[in-house]
Amino acid sequence: MSSVINIKEKLGLFTDQWSPKKVAELNGQQVLLAKIQGEFVFHKHDNEDELFMVMKGQLQIDLEDSSVIVNEGEFYVVPKGVPHKPIAKEEVHLLLFEPLSTKHTGDVVADITVETYESI
């Protein structure tokens, strides 16, 4: 049986950045929390859309020919196959929804690639 998940409480359990933590699964999807600051790598997910919901801070998502700004309380869906690079000038707290099969850095392997998400 599932229980109520307190997002603020879960975010207080970790400090590492660019390493999403799994807080739930549903219908083949995973719900992840992440703390990020700085720049990620340009990458894409060929078969999955990716939802970024900003819980705290402001996220910039660079696309091939433009940028999107996502403020606290907003979310943005990067369509499958679209190269993107998240950027956080100050620490940003994110809620992410993605299929269980989604790879952390998509089609790119980098020093920050996480193979398996820790559950908290």
Protein backbone atom coordinates (compact mmCIF):
# COMPACT_ATOMS: atom_id res chain seq x y z
CA MET A 1 0.00 0.00 0.00
CA SER A 2 1.34 3.43 -0.87
CA SER A 3 1.69 6.32 1.54
CA VAL A 4 1.64 10.08 1.31
CA ILE A 5 4.97 11.47 0.12
CA ASN A 6 6.12 14.81 1.47
CA ILE A 7 8.27 16.40 -1.25
CA LYS A 8 9.98 18.93 1.06
CA GLU A 9 10.84 16.14 3.51
CA LYS A 10 12.30 13.99 0.72
CA LEU A 11 14.33 16.91 -0.66
CA GLY A 12 15.80 17.36 2.82
CA LEU A 13 17.25 13.82 2.72
CA PHE A 14 20.00 14.58 0.20
CA THR A 15 22.37 17.31 -0.93
CA ASP A 16 24.10 15.82 -3.98
CA GLN A 17 23.36 17.47 -7.29
CA TRP A 18 22.59 16.02 -10.72
CA SER A 19 21.73 12.67 -9.11
CA PRO A 20 17.92 12.18 -9.18
CA LYS A 21 16.29 10.17 -6.39
CA LYS A 22 13.29 7.94 -7.05
CA VAL A 23 10.34 8.64 -4.74
CA ALA A 24 7.59 6.66 -6.50
CA GLU A 25 6.61 4.53 -9.47
CA LEU A 26 3.29 4.38 -11.28
CA ASN A 27 2.13 2.82 -14.53
CA GLY A 28 5.65 2.27 -15.85
CA GLN A 29 6.69 5.79 -14.85
CA GLN A 30 9.07 6.97 -12.16
CA VAL A 31 8.74 10.10 -10.07
CA LEU A 32 12.14 11.61 -9.32
CA LEU A 33 13.42 14.47 -7.21
CA ALA A 34 16.67 16.24 -8.06
CA LYS A 35 18.79 19.15 -6.94
CA ILE A 36 20.82 20.81 -9.64
CA GLN A 37 23.17 23.74 -10.08
CA GLY A 38 25.37 24.64 -13.02
CA GLU A 39 25.10 23.15 -16.50
CA PHE A 40 24.18 19.63 -17.55
CA VAL A 41 25.14 18.15 -20.93
CA PHE A 42 23.23 18.52 -24.18
CA HIS A 43 21.36 15.23 -24.65
CA LYS A 44 18.11 13.80 -25.95
CA HIS A 45 15.77 10.93 -25.27
CA ASP A 46 14.75 9.29 -28.55
CA ASN A 47 11.65 7.53 -27.20
CA GLU A 48 10.48 9.50 -24.17
CA ASP A 49 9.18 12.96 -23.37
CA GLU A 50 10.70 14.47 -20.21
CA LEU A 51 8.81 16.63 -17.71
CA PHE A 52 10.71 19.15 -15.57
CA MET A 53 8.68 20.70 -12.72
CA VAL A 54 10.47 23.40 -10.73
CA MET A 55 9.77 23.14 -7.02
CA LYS A 56 12.33 25.80 -6.05
CA GLY A 57 14.38 28.26 -8.09
CA GLN A 58 14.49 28.95 -11.81
CA LEU A 59 15.52 26.50 -14.52
CA GLN A 60 16.78 27.38 -17.96
CA ILE A 61 16.49 24.68 -20.61
CA ASP A 62 18.59 25.34 -23.69
CA LEU A 63 17.24 23.83 -26.90
CA GLU A 64 18.99 23.77 -30.27
CA ASP A 65 17.75 27.20 -31.34
CA SER A 66 16.17 28.73 -28.23
CA SER A 67 15.90 28.65 -24.45
CA VAL A 68 12.97 28.11 -22.11
CA ILE A 69 12.77 29.58 -18.61
CA VAL A 70 10.80 27.54 -16.06
CA ASN A 71 9.98 29.28 -12.79
CA GLU A 72 9.01 27.87 -9.41
CA GLY A 73 5.60 26.18 -9.62
CA GLU A 74 5.84 25.72 -13.41
CA PHE A 75 6.75 22.77 -15.58
CA TYR A 76 7.94 22.18 -19.10
CA VAL A 77 7.82 19.04 -21.22
CA VAL A 78 10.76 18.41 -23.54
CA PRO A 79 9.37 16.35 -26.45
CA LYS A 80 11.12 13.09 -27.29
CA GLY A 81 14.02 13.44 -29.69
CA VAL A 82 14.65 17.11 -28.85
CA PRO A 83 18.22 17.90 -27.72
CA HIS A 84 18.20 19.90 -24.49
CA LYS A 85 20.53 21.11 -21.74
CA PRO A 86 19.24 22.07 -18.28
CA ILE A 87 21.01 25.02 -16.63
CA ALA A 88 20.58 26.30 -13.07
CA LYS A 89 22.44 29.48 -12.15
CA GLU A 90 21.49 28.87 -8.50
CA GLU A 91 20.35 25.61 -6.92
CA VAL A 92 17.07 24.35 -8.35
CA HIS A 93 14.86 21.62 -6.92
CA LEU A 94 13.06 19.54 -9.54
CA LEU A 95 10.27 17.00 -9.72
CA LEU A 96 10.68 14.79 -12.80
CA PHE A 97 8.29 12.30 -14.40
CA GLU A 98 9.68 9.84 -16.90
CA PRO A 99 9.32 6.23 -18.04
CA LEU A 100 11.31 3.65 -16.08
CA SER A 101 13.39 3.01 -19.22
CA THR A 102 14.61 6.62 -19.54
CA LYS A 103 18.39 6.97 -19.32
CA HIS A 104 19.70 9.82 -17.14
CA THR A 105 21.76 11.52 -19.86
CA GLY A 106 19.83 10.05 -22.77
CA ASP A 107 22.05 9.33 -25.75
CA VAL A 108 25.19 10.74 -24.06
CA VAL A 109 27.47 9.07 -21.52
CA ALA A 110 29.22 11.61 -19.29
CA ASP A 111 30.96 11.81 -15.93
CA ILE A 112 27.63 12.80 -14.36
CA THR A 113 25.64 9.90 -15.85
CA VAL A 114 23.72 7.92 -13.21
CA GLU A 115 22.97 4.32 -14.19
CA THR A 116 20.52 3.48 -11.37
CA TYR A 117 18.50 5.94 -9.34
CA GLU A 118 18.60 5.62 -5.55
CA SER A 119 15.16 5.27 -3.96
CA ILE A 120 14.41 7.48 -0.97
